[in-house]
């Protein structure tokens, strides 16, 4: 609907601009009705048309981002649930962070509802995705986490690495304060998740190098303390482990 409306407004701008130019060129005489404000009107209409196109493009990008993020958070939840089943709750990070990913999913869903955007999560079952790319990635990531605990923890760090990278890019596509606040909270949560996975990795003899964000950014995240991200309370606050501040399974 938004793209059709923006096309109509763009066409209307062209029609109005054409009319203004015709009036400006008409033989109405100096000071006549065809001459007054013609250039100014043309400039205003052109600017309005350009603004409409820019807003429509931004809105479209914002919508795509929210749809993608809704399923990306489900991807994280589903992979962590599957790896929890493989490695058990004796490694609390998968169980705890899967709960926080559900909270992230729910927060993104509130924006989809508010904007009247159909939810891509039509089946909440683990491994069910509308986006075939994410479906394939789910299968790949779960398989990658089967051989060893270190491999599974590396999968977790990789997912959080990707989440941080993607959310950083999404910020440029919206000016909505509520959506920006959600992005900030989710990115904060992902930084905590990264600290937790990294802590368990190093405690088990593993290591991790940045794949999506820069290594400098990863180093700064690991060096930082656990953050309070304004997402309320929930199961993600359980679980002690090698993460900073004694919150190896924490997320907020």
C-alpha atoms as a PDB file:
ATOM      1  CA  UNK A   1       0.000   0.000   0.000  1.00  0.00           C
ATOM      2  CA  UNK A   2       2.759   2.449   0.852  1.00  0.00           C
ATOM      3  CA  UNK A   3       4.585   1.964  -2.448  1.00  0.00           C
ATOM      4  CA  UNK A   4       1.393   2.444  -4.469  1.00  0.00           C
ATOM      5  CA  UNK A   5       0.533   5.609  -2.553  1.00  0.00           C
ATOM      6  CA  UNK A   6       3.999   7.066  -3.023  1.00  0.00           C
ATOM      7  CA  UNK A   7       3.776   6.357  -6.767  1.00  0.00           C
ATOM      8  CA  UNK A   8       0.441   8.175  -6.932  1.00  0.00           C
ATOM      9  CA  UNK A   9       1.841  11.162  -5.056  1.00  0.00           C
ATOM     10  CA  UNK A  10       4.890  11.220  -7.308  1.00  0.00           C
ATOM     11  CA  UNK A  11       2.649  11.231 -10.391  1.00  0.00           C
ATOM     12  CA  UNK A  12       0.535  13.974  -8.882  1.00  0.00           C
ATOM     13  CA  UNK A  13       3.682  16.026  -8.275  1.00  0.00           C
ATOM     14  CA  UNK A  14       4.663  15.627 -11.928  1.00  0.00           C
ATOM     15  CA  UNK A  15       1.199  16.735 -13.085  1.00  0.00           C
ATOM     16  CA  UNK A  16       1.235  19.772 -10.803  1.00  0.00           C
ATOM     17  CA  UNK A  17       4.752  20.638 -11.893  1.00  0.00           C
ATOM     18  CA  UNK A  18       3.736  20.411 -15.528  1.00  0.00           C
ATOM     19  CA  UNK A  19       0.768  22.686 -14.884  1.00  0.00           C
ATOM     20  CA  UNK A  20       2.921  25.204 -13.065  1.00  0.00           C
ATOM     21  CA  UNK A  21       5.427  25.278 -15.912  1.00  0.00           C
ATOM     22  CA  UNK A  22       2.644  25.740 -18.463  1.00  0.00           C
ATOM     23  CA  UNK A  23       1.240  28.635 -16.483  1.00  0.00           C
ATOM     24  CA  UNK A  24       4.652  30.211 -16.184  1.00  0.00           C
ATOM     25  CA  UNK A  25       5.069  30.070 -19.965  1.00  0.00           C
ATOM     26  CA  UNK A  26       1.549  31.236 -20.793  1.00  0.00           C
ATOM     27  CA  UNK A  27       1.001  34.652 -22.393  1.00  0.00           C
ATOM     28  CA  UNK A  28      -0.649  36.050 -19.318  1.00  0.00           C
ATOM     29  CA  UNK A  29       1.649  39.099 -19.394  1.00  0.00           C
ATOM     30  CA  UNK A  30       3.973  40.279 -16.732  1.00  0.00           C
ATOM     31  CA  UNK A  31       2.269  40.317 -13.397  1.00  0.00           C
ATOM     32  CA  UNK A  32      -0.600  38.137 -14.760  1.00  0.00           C
ATOM     33  CA  UNK A  33      -1.994  35.094 -12.964  1.00  0.00           C
ATOM     34  CA  UNK A  34       0.095  32.715 -15.080  1.00  0.00           C
ATOM     35  CA  UNK A  35       3.344  34.234 -13.887  1.00  0.00           C
ATOM     36  CA  UNK A  36       2.946  34.813 -10.179  1.00  0.00           C
ATOM     37  CA  UNK A  37       4.886  32.306  -8.069  1.00  0.00           C
ATOM     38  CA  UNK A  38       5.323  29.824 -10.914  1.00  0.00           C
ATOM     39  CA  UNK A  39       8.985  29.048 -10.230  1.00  0.00           C
ATOM     40  CA  UNK A  40       8.421  28.892  -6.478  1.00  0.00           C
ATOM     41  CA  UNK A  41       5.465  26.506  -6.908  1.00  0.00           C
ATOM     42  CA  UNK A  42       7.476  24.254  -9.207  1.00  0.00           C
ATOM     43  CA  UNK A  43      10.322  24.152  -6.716  1.00  0.00           C
ATOM     44  CA  UNK A  44       7.965  23.380  -3.825  1.00  0.00           C
ATOM     45  CA  UNK A  45       6.215  20.578  -5.704  1.00  0.00           C
ATOM     46  CA  UNK A  46       9.536  19.082  -6.806  1.00  0.00           C
ATOM     47  CA  UNK A  47      10.808  19.138  -3.222  1.00  0.00           C
ATOM     48  CA  UNK A  48       7.594  17.565  -1.935  1.00  0.00           C
ATOM     49  CA  UNK A  49       7.804  14.812  -4.534  1.00  0.00           C
ATOM     50  CA  UNK A  50      11.404  14.068  -3.624  1.00  0.00           C
ATOM     51  CA  UNK A  51      10.528  14.006   0.080  1.00  0.00           C
ATOM     52  CA  UNK A  52       7.638  11.626  -0.568  1.00  0.00           C
ATOM     53  CA  UNK A  53       9.872   9.209  -2.463  1.00  0.00           C
ATOM     54  CA  UNK A  54      12.517   9.369   0.269  1.00  0.00           C
ATOM     55  CA  UNK A  55       9.959   8.715   3.020  1.00  0.00           C
ATOM     56  CA  UNK A  56       8.450   5.806   1.082  1.00  0.00           C
ATOM     57  CA  UNK A  57      11.894   4.256   0.563  1.00  0.00           C
ATOM     58  CA  UNK A  58      12.767   4.662   4.227  1.00  0.00           C
ATOM     59  CA  UNK A  59       9.441   3.161   5.296  1.00  0.00           C
ATOM     60  CA  UNK A  60       9.933   0.193   2.981  1.00  0.00           C
ATOM     61  CA  UNK A  61      13.421  -0.428   4.347  1.00  0.00           C
ATOM     62  CA  UNK A  62      12.160  -0.135   7.922  1.00  0.00           C
ATOM     63  CA  UNK A  63       9.427  -2.684   7.222  1.00  0.00           C
ATOM     64  CA  UNK A  64      11.867  -5.130   5.649  1.00  0.00           C
ATOM     65  CA  UNK A  65      14.194  -4.708   8.618  1.00  0.00           C
ATOM     66  CA  UNK A  66      11.463  -5.455  11.152  1.00  0.00           C
ATOM     67  CA  UNK A  67      10.344  -8.523   9.223  1.00  0.00           C
ATOM     68  CA  UNK A  68      13.909  -9.762   8.995  1.00  0.00           C
ATOM     69  CA  UNK A  69      14.662  -9.018  12.643  1.00  0.00           C
ATOM     70  CA  UNK A  70      11.543 -10.832  13.842  1.00  0.00           C
ATOM     71  CA  UNK A  71      12.752 -14.038  12.189  1.00  0.00           C
ATOM     72  CA  UNK A  72      16.417 -13.476  13.052  1.00  0.00           C
ATOM     73  CA  UNK A  73      15.489 -13.391  16.730  1.00  0.00           C
ATOM     74  CA  UNK A  74      13.493 -16.594  16.194  1.00  0.00           C
ATOM     75  CA  UNK A  75      16.524 -18.115  14.483  1.00  0.00           C
ATOM     76  CA  UNK A  76      18.621 -17.410  17.573  1.00  0.00           C
ATOM     77  CA  UNK A  77      15.935 -18.785  19.895  1.00  0.00           C
ATOM     78  CA  UNK A  78      15.431 -21.958  17.875  1.00  0.00           C
ATOM     79  CA  UNK A  79      19.144 -22.686  17.479  1.00  0.00           C
ATOM     80  CA  UNK A  80      19.749 -22.199  21.206  1.00  0.00           C
ATOM     81  CA  UNK A  81      16.816 -24.452  22.108  1.00  0.00           C
ATOM     82  CA  UNK A  82      18.163 -27.147  19.795  1.00  0.00           C
ATOM     83  CA  UNK A  83      21.677 -26.825  21.210  1.00  0.00           C
ATOM     84  CA  UNK A  84      20.269 -26.926  24.739  1.00  0.00           C
ATOM     85  CA  UNK A  85      18.659 -30.241  23.845  1.00  0.00           C
ATOM     86  CA  UNK A  86      22.021 -31.477  22.558  1.00  0.00           C
ATOM     87  CA  UNK A  87      24.190 -30.292  25.455  1.00  0.00           C
ATOM     88  CA  UNK A  88      21.716 -30.179  28.328  1.00  0.00           C
ATOM     89  CA  UNK A  89      20.971 -27.554  30.938  1.00  0.00           C
ATOM     90  CA  UNK A  90      24.280 -28.164  32.718  1.00  0.00           C
ATOM     91  CA  UNK A  91      25.512 -25.489  30.280  1.00  0.00           C
ATOM     92  CA  UNK A  92      22.949 -22.806  31.218  1.00  0.00           C
ATOM     93  CA  UNK A  93      23.820 -20.302  28.508  1.00  0.00           C
ATOM     94  CA  UNK A  94      21.669 -21.938  25.795  1.00  0.00           C
ATOM     95  CA  UNK A  95      18.588 -22.313  27.994  1.00  0.00           C
ATOM     96  CA  UNK A  96      18.843 -18.845  29.501  1.00  0.00           C
ATOM     97  CA  UNK A  97      19.534 -16.919  26.306  1.00  0.00           C
ATOM     98  CA  UNK A  98      16.821 -18.753  24.360  1.00  0.00           C
ATOM     99  CA  UNK A  99      14.356 -17.191  26.817  1.00  0.00           C
ATOM    100  CA  UNK A 100      15.716 -13.723  26.155  1.00  0.00           C
ATOM    101  CA  UNK A 101      15.463 -14.282  22.406  1.00  0.00           C
ATOM    102  CA  UNK A 102      11.758 -14.991  22.870  1.00  0.00           C
ATOM    103  CA  UNK A 103      11.476 -11.632  24.643  1.00  0.00           C
ATOM    104  CA  UNK A 104      13.288  -9.989  21.728  1.00  0.00           C
ATOM    105  CA  UNK A 105      10.907 -11.664  19.272  1.00  0.00           C
ATOM    106  CA  UNK A 106       7.917 -10.392  21.230  1.00  0.00           C
ATOM    107  CA  UNK A 107       9.234  -6.835  21.309  1.00  0.00           C
ATOM    108  CA  UNK A 108       9.719  -6.756  17.529  1.00  0.00           C
ATOM    109  CA  UNK A 109       6.229  -8.212  17.097  1.00  0.00           C
ATOM    110  CA  UNK A 110       4.721  -5.217  18.909  1.00  0.00           C
ATOM    111  CA  UNK A 111       6.065  -2.929  16.176  1.00  0.00           C
ATOM    112  CA  UNK A 112       4.717  -5.157  13.409  1.00  0.00           C
ATOM    113  CA  UNK A 113       1.290  -5.073  15.069  1.00  0.00           C
ATOM    114  CA  UNK A 114       1.391  -1.315  15.589  1.00  0.00           C
ATOM    115  CA  UNK A 115       2.294  -0.727  11.937  1.00  0.00           C
ATOM    116  CA  UNK A 116      -0.181  -3.257  10.557  1.00  0.00           C
ATOM    117  CA  UNK A 117       2.564  -5.435   9.070  1.00  0.00           C
ATOM    118  CA  UNK A 118       1.726  -9.153   8.777  1.00  0.00           C
ATOM    119  CA  UNK A 119       3.847 -11.281  11.103  1.00  0.00           C
ATOM    120  CA  UNK A 120       6.239 -13.580   9.200  1.00  0.00           C
ATOM    121  CA  UNK A 121       6.225 -16.001  12.153  1.00  0.00           C
ATOM    122  CA  UNK A 122       3.140 -17.975  11.220  1.00  0.00           C
ATOM    123  CA  UNK A 123       4.389 -21.155  12.916  1.00  0.00           C
ATOM    124  CA  UNK A 124       6.118 -20.828  16.304  1.00  0.00           C
ATOM    125  CA  UNK A 125       7.574 -24.342  16.119  1.00  0.00           C
ATOM    126  CA  UNK A 126      11.334 -24.695  16.383  1.00  0.00           C
ATOM    127  CA  UNK A 127      12.890 -24.700  12.899  1.00  0.00           C
ATOM    128  CA  UNK A 128       9.870 -23.186  11.107  1.00  0.00           C
ATOM    129  CA  UNK A 129      10.658 -20.055   9.066  1.00  0.00           C
ATOM    130  CA  UNK A 130       8.993 -18.038   6.321  1.00  0.00           C
ATOM    131  CA  UNK A 131      12.380 -16.927   4.956  1.00  0.00           C
ATOM    132  CA  UNK A 132      14.029 -19.923   3.233  1.00  0.00           C
ATOM    133  CA  UNK A 133      17.465 -18.418   3.799  1.00  0.00           C
ATOM    134  CA  UNK A 134      16.914 -18.428   7.560  1.00  0.00           C
ATOM    135  CA  UNK A 135      15.478 -21.940   7.412  1.00  0.00           C
ATOM    136  CA  UNK A 136      18.648 -23.178   5.706  1.00  0.00           C
ATOM    137  CA  UNK A 137      20.811 -21.230   8.157  1.00  0.00           C
ATOM    138  CA  UNK A 138      19.001 -22.789  11.102  1.00  0.00           C
ATOM    139  CA  UNK A 139      19.762 -26.282   9.808  1.00  0.00           C
ATOM    140  CA  UNK A 140      23.388 -25.379   9.163  1.00  0.00           C
ATOM    141  CA  UNK A 141      23.957 -23.757  12.562  1.00  0.00           C
ATOM    142  CA  UNK A 142      22.375 -26.602  14.531  1.00  0.00           C
ATOM    143  CA  UNK A 143      24.482 -29.125  12.632  1.00  0.00           C
ATOM    144  CA  UNK A 144      27.611 -27.070  13.294  1.00  0.00           C
ATOM    145  CA  UNK A 145      26.935 -27.184  17.033  1.00  0.00           C
ATOM    146  CA  UNK A 146      26.648 -30.952  17.293  1.00  0.00           C
ATOM    147  CA  UNK A 147      30.281 -32.207  17.334  1.00  0.00           C
ATOM    148  CA  UNK A 148      31.511 -30.494  20.507  1.00  0.00           C
ATOM    149  CA  UNK A 149      30.538 -28.003  23.193  1.00  0.00           C
ATOM    150  CA  UNK A 150      33.144 -25.572  21.887  1.00  0.00           C
ATOM    151  CA  UNK A 151      31.572 -25.814  18.419  1.00  0.00           C
ATOM    152  CA  UNK A 152      28.125 -25.143  19.901  1.00  0.00           C
ATOM    153  CA  UNK A 153      29.350 -22.128  21.849  1.00  0.00           C
ATOM    154  CA  UNK A 154      31.044 -20.830  18.697  1.00  0.00           C
ATOM    155  CA  UNK A 155      27.670 -21.030  16.945  1.00  0.00           C
ATOM    156  CA  UNK A 156      26.184 -18.885  19.713  1.00  0.00           C
ATOM    157  CA  UNK A 157      28.923 -16.274  19.420  1.00  0.00           C
ATOM    158  CA  UNK A 158      28.508 -16.222  15.644  1.00  0.00           C
ATOM    159  CA  UNK A 159      24.760 -15.587  15.907  1.00  0.00           C
ATOM    160  CA  UNK A 160      25.279 -12.698  18.326  1.00  0.00           C
ATOM    161  CA  UNK A 161      28.014 -11.293  16.092  1.00  0.00           C
ATOM    162  CA  UNK A 162      25.577 -11.288  13.157  1.00  0.00           C
ATOM    163  CA  UNK A 163      22.749  -9.799  15.240  1.00  0.00           C
ATOM    164  CA  UNK A 164      24.874  -6.861  16.382  1.00  0.00           C
ATOM    165  CA  UNK A 165      26.057  -6.222  12.830  1.00  0.00           C
ATOM    166  CA  UNK A 166      22.549  -6.324  11.361  1.00  0.00           C
ATOM    167  CA  UNK A 167      20.952  -4.115  14.013  1.00  0.00           C
ATOM    168  CA  UNK A 168      23.678  -1.521  13.581  1.00  0.00           C
ATOM    169  CA  UNK A 169      22.823  -1.369   9.863  1.00  0.00           C
ATOM    170  CA  UNK A 170      19.077  -1.231  10.525  1.00  0.00           C
ATOM    171  CA  UNK A 171      19.367   1.938  12.581  1.00  0.00           C
ATOM    172  CA  UNK A 172      20.061   3.951   9.429  1.00  0.00           C
ATOM    173  CA  UNK A 173      16.683   2.953   7.961  1.00  0.00           C
ATOM    174  CA  UNK A 174      14.376   4.509  10.544  1.00  0.00           C
ATOM    175  CA  UNK A 175      13.823   7.665  12.549  1.00  0.00           C
ATOM    176  CA  UNK A 176      11.020   6.182  14.668  1.00  0.00           C
ATOM    177  CA  UNK A 177      12.038   6.705  18.317  1.00  0.00           C
ATOM    178  CA  UNK A 178      10.223   3.577  19.519  1.00  0.00           C
ATOM    179  CA  UNK A 179      11.876   1.366  16.915  1.00  0.00           C
ATOM    180  CA  UNK A 180      15.275   2.905  17.584  1.00  0.00           C
ATOM    181  CA  UNK A 181      14.774   2.210  21.295  1.00  0.00           C
ATOM    182  CA  UNK A 182      14.019  -1.429  20.493  1.00  0.00           C
ATOM    183  CA  UNK A 183      17.104  -1.679  18.307  1.00  0.00           C
ATOM    184  CA  UNK A 184      19.224  -0.231  21.111  1.00  0.00           C
ATOM    185  CA  UNK A 185      17.797  -2.658  23.679  1.00  0.00           C
ATOM    186  CA  UNK A 186      18.229  -5.686  21.408  1.00  0.00           C
ATOM    187  CA  UNK A 187      21.767  -4.737  20.483  1.00  0.00           C
ATOM    188  CA  UNK A 188      22.576  -4.257  24.165  1.00  0.00           C
ATOM    189  CA  UNK A 189      21.164  -7.720  24.863  1.00  0.00           C
ATOM    190  CA  UNK A 190      23.256  -9.203  22.059  1.00  0.00           C
ATOM    191  CA  UNK A 191      26.393  -7.664  23.531  1.00  0.00           C
ATOM    192  CA  UNK A 192      25.598  -9.390  26.823  1.00  0.00           C
ATOM    193  CA  UNK A 193      24.945 -12.636  24.970  1.00  0.00           C
ATOM    194  CA  UNK A 194      28.295 -12.320  23.244  1.00  0.00           C
ATOM    195  CA  UNK A 195      30.041 -11.824  26.584  1.00  0.00           C
ATOM    196  CA  UNK A 196      28.320 -14.938  27.957  1.00  0.00           C
ATOM    197  CA  UNK A 197      29.193 -17.149  24.979  1.00  0.00           C
ATOM    198  CA  UNK A 198      32.735 -15.820  24.876  1.00  0.00           C
ATOM    199  CA  UNK A 199      33.150 -16.481  28.590  1.00  0.00           C
ATOM    200  CA  UNK A 200      32.006 -20.087  28.266  1.00  0.00           C
ATOM    201  CA  UNK A 201      34.138 -20.543  25.167  1.00  0.00           C
ATOM    202  CA  UNK A 202      37.351 -19.441  26.815  1.00  0.00           C
ATOM    203  CA  UNK A 203      36.506 -21.438  29.952  1.00  0.00           C
ATOM    204  CA  UNK A 204      36.278 -24.535  27.753  1.00  0.00           C
ATOM    205  CA  UNK A 205      39.490 -23.904  25.829  1.00  0.00           C
ATOM    206  CA  UNK A 206      37.943 -22.177  22.833  1.00  0.00           C
ATOM    207  CA  UNK A 207      38.267 -18.719  21.289  1.00  0.00           C
ATOM    208  CA  UNK A 208      36.359 -16.513  18.875  1.00  0.00           C
ATOM    209  CA  UNK A 209      37.285 -13.979  16.209  1.00  0.00           C
ATOM    210  CA  UNK A 210      34.779 -11.486  14.815  1.00  0.00           C
ATOM    211  CA  UNK A 211      33.062 -12.564  11.600  1.00  0.00           C
ATOM    212  CA  UNK A 212      30.658  -9.667  10.995  1.00  0.00           C
ATOM    213  CA  UNK A 213      31.455  -6.768  13.309  1.00  0.00           C
ATOM    214  CA  UNK A 214      35.052  -5.564  13.504  1.00  0.00           C
ATOM    215  CA  UNK A 215      37.506  -7.280  15.787  1.00  0.00           C
ATOM    216  CA  UNK A 216      38.022  -3.959  17.566  1.00  0.00           C
ATOM    217  CA  UNK A 217      34.307  -3.767  18.336  1.00  0.00           C
ATOM    218  CA  UNK A 218      34.293  -7.355  19.586  1.00  0.00           C
ATOM    219  CA  UNK A 219      37.290  -6.673  21.808  1.00  0.00           C
ATOM    220  CA  UNK A 220      35.522  -3.638  23.281  1.00  0.00           C
ATOM    221  CA  UNK A 221      32.383  -5.694  23.971  1.00  0.00           C
ATOM    222  CA  UNK A 222      34.330  -8.452  25.712  1.00  0.00           C
ATOM    223  CA  UNK A 223      36.257  -5.910  27.777  1.00  0.00           C
ATOM    224  CA  UNK A 224      33.036  -4.197  28.854  1.00  0.00           C
ATOM    225  CA  UNK A 225      30.915  -5.030  31.883  1.00  0.00           C
ATOM    226  CA  UNK A 226      27.497  -6.675  31.792  1.00  0.00           C
ATOM    227  CA  UNK A 227      24.882  -4.079  30.772  1.00  0.00           C
ATOM    228  CA  UNK A 228      21.362  -3.380  31.988  1.00  0.00           C
ATOM    229  CA  UNK A 229      19.426  -3.062  28.766  1.00  0.00           C
ATOM    230  CA  UNK A 230      16.001  -1.913  29.884  1.00  0.00           C
ATOM    231  CA  UNK A 231      14.191  -5.066  28.784  1.00  0.00           C
ATOM    232  CA  UNK A 232      12.656  -5.842  32.169  1.00  0.00           C
ATOM    233  CA  UNK A 233      13.060  -9.095  34.056  1.00  0.00           C
ATOM    234  CA  UNK A 234      12.754 -12.651  32.862  1.00  0.00           C
ATOM    235  CA  UNK A 235      14.347 -16.072  32.668  1.00  0.00           C
ATOM    236  CA  UNK A 236      17.458 -14.646  31.032  1.00  0.00           C
ATOM    237  CA  UNK A 237      18.593 -13.322  34.385  1.00  0.00           C
ATOM    238  CA  UNK A 238      19.108 -16.830  35.712  1.00  0.00           C
ATOM    239  CA  UNK A 239      22.285 -18.780  35.369  1.00  0.00           C
ATOM    240  CA  UNK A 240      25.731 -18.153  36.680  1.00  0.00           C
ATOM    241  CA  UNK A 241      28.835 -18.854  34.697  1.00  0.00           C
ATOM    242  CA  UNK A 242      32.070 -17.509  33.321  1.00  0.00           C
ATOM    243  CA  UNK A 243      30.465 -14.368  31.875  1.00  0.00           C
ATOM    244  CA  UNK A 244      31.387 -10.970  33.287  1.00  0.00           C
ATOM    245  CA  UNK A 245      29.804  -9.992  36.576  1.00  0.00           C
ATOM    246  CA  UNK A 246      29.030 -13.643  37.339  1.00  0.00           C
ATOM    247  CA  UNK A 247      26.140 -13.619  34.838  1.00  0.00           C
ATOM    248  CA  UNK A 248      27.313 -16.103  32.270  1.00  0.00           C
ATOM    249  CA  UNK A 249      23.761 -16.858  31.233  1.00  0.00           C
ATOM    250  CA  UNK A 250      22.447 -13.333  31.718  1.00  0.00           C
ATOM    251  CA  UNK A 251      21.236 -11.240  28.827  1.00  0.00           C
ATOM    252  CA  UNK A 252      19.923  -7.815  29.714  1.00  0.00           C
END
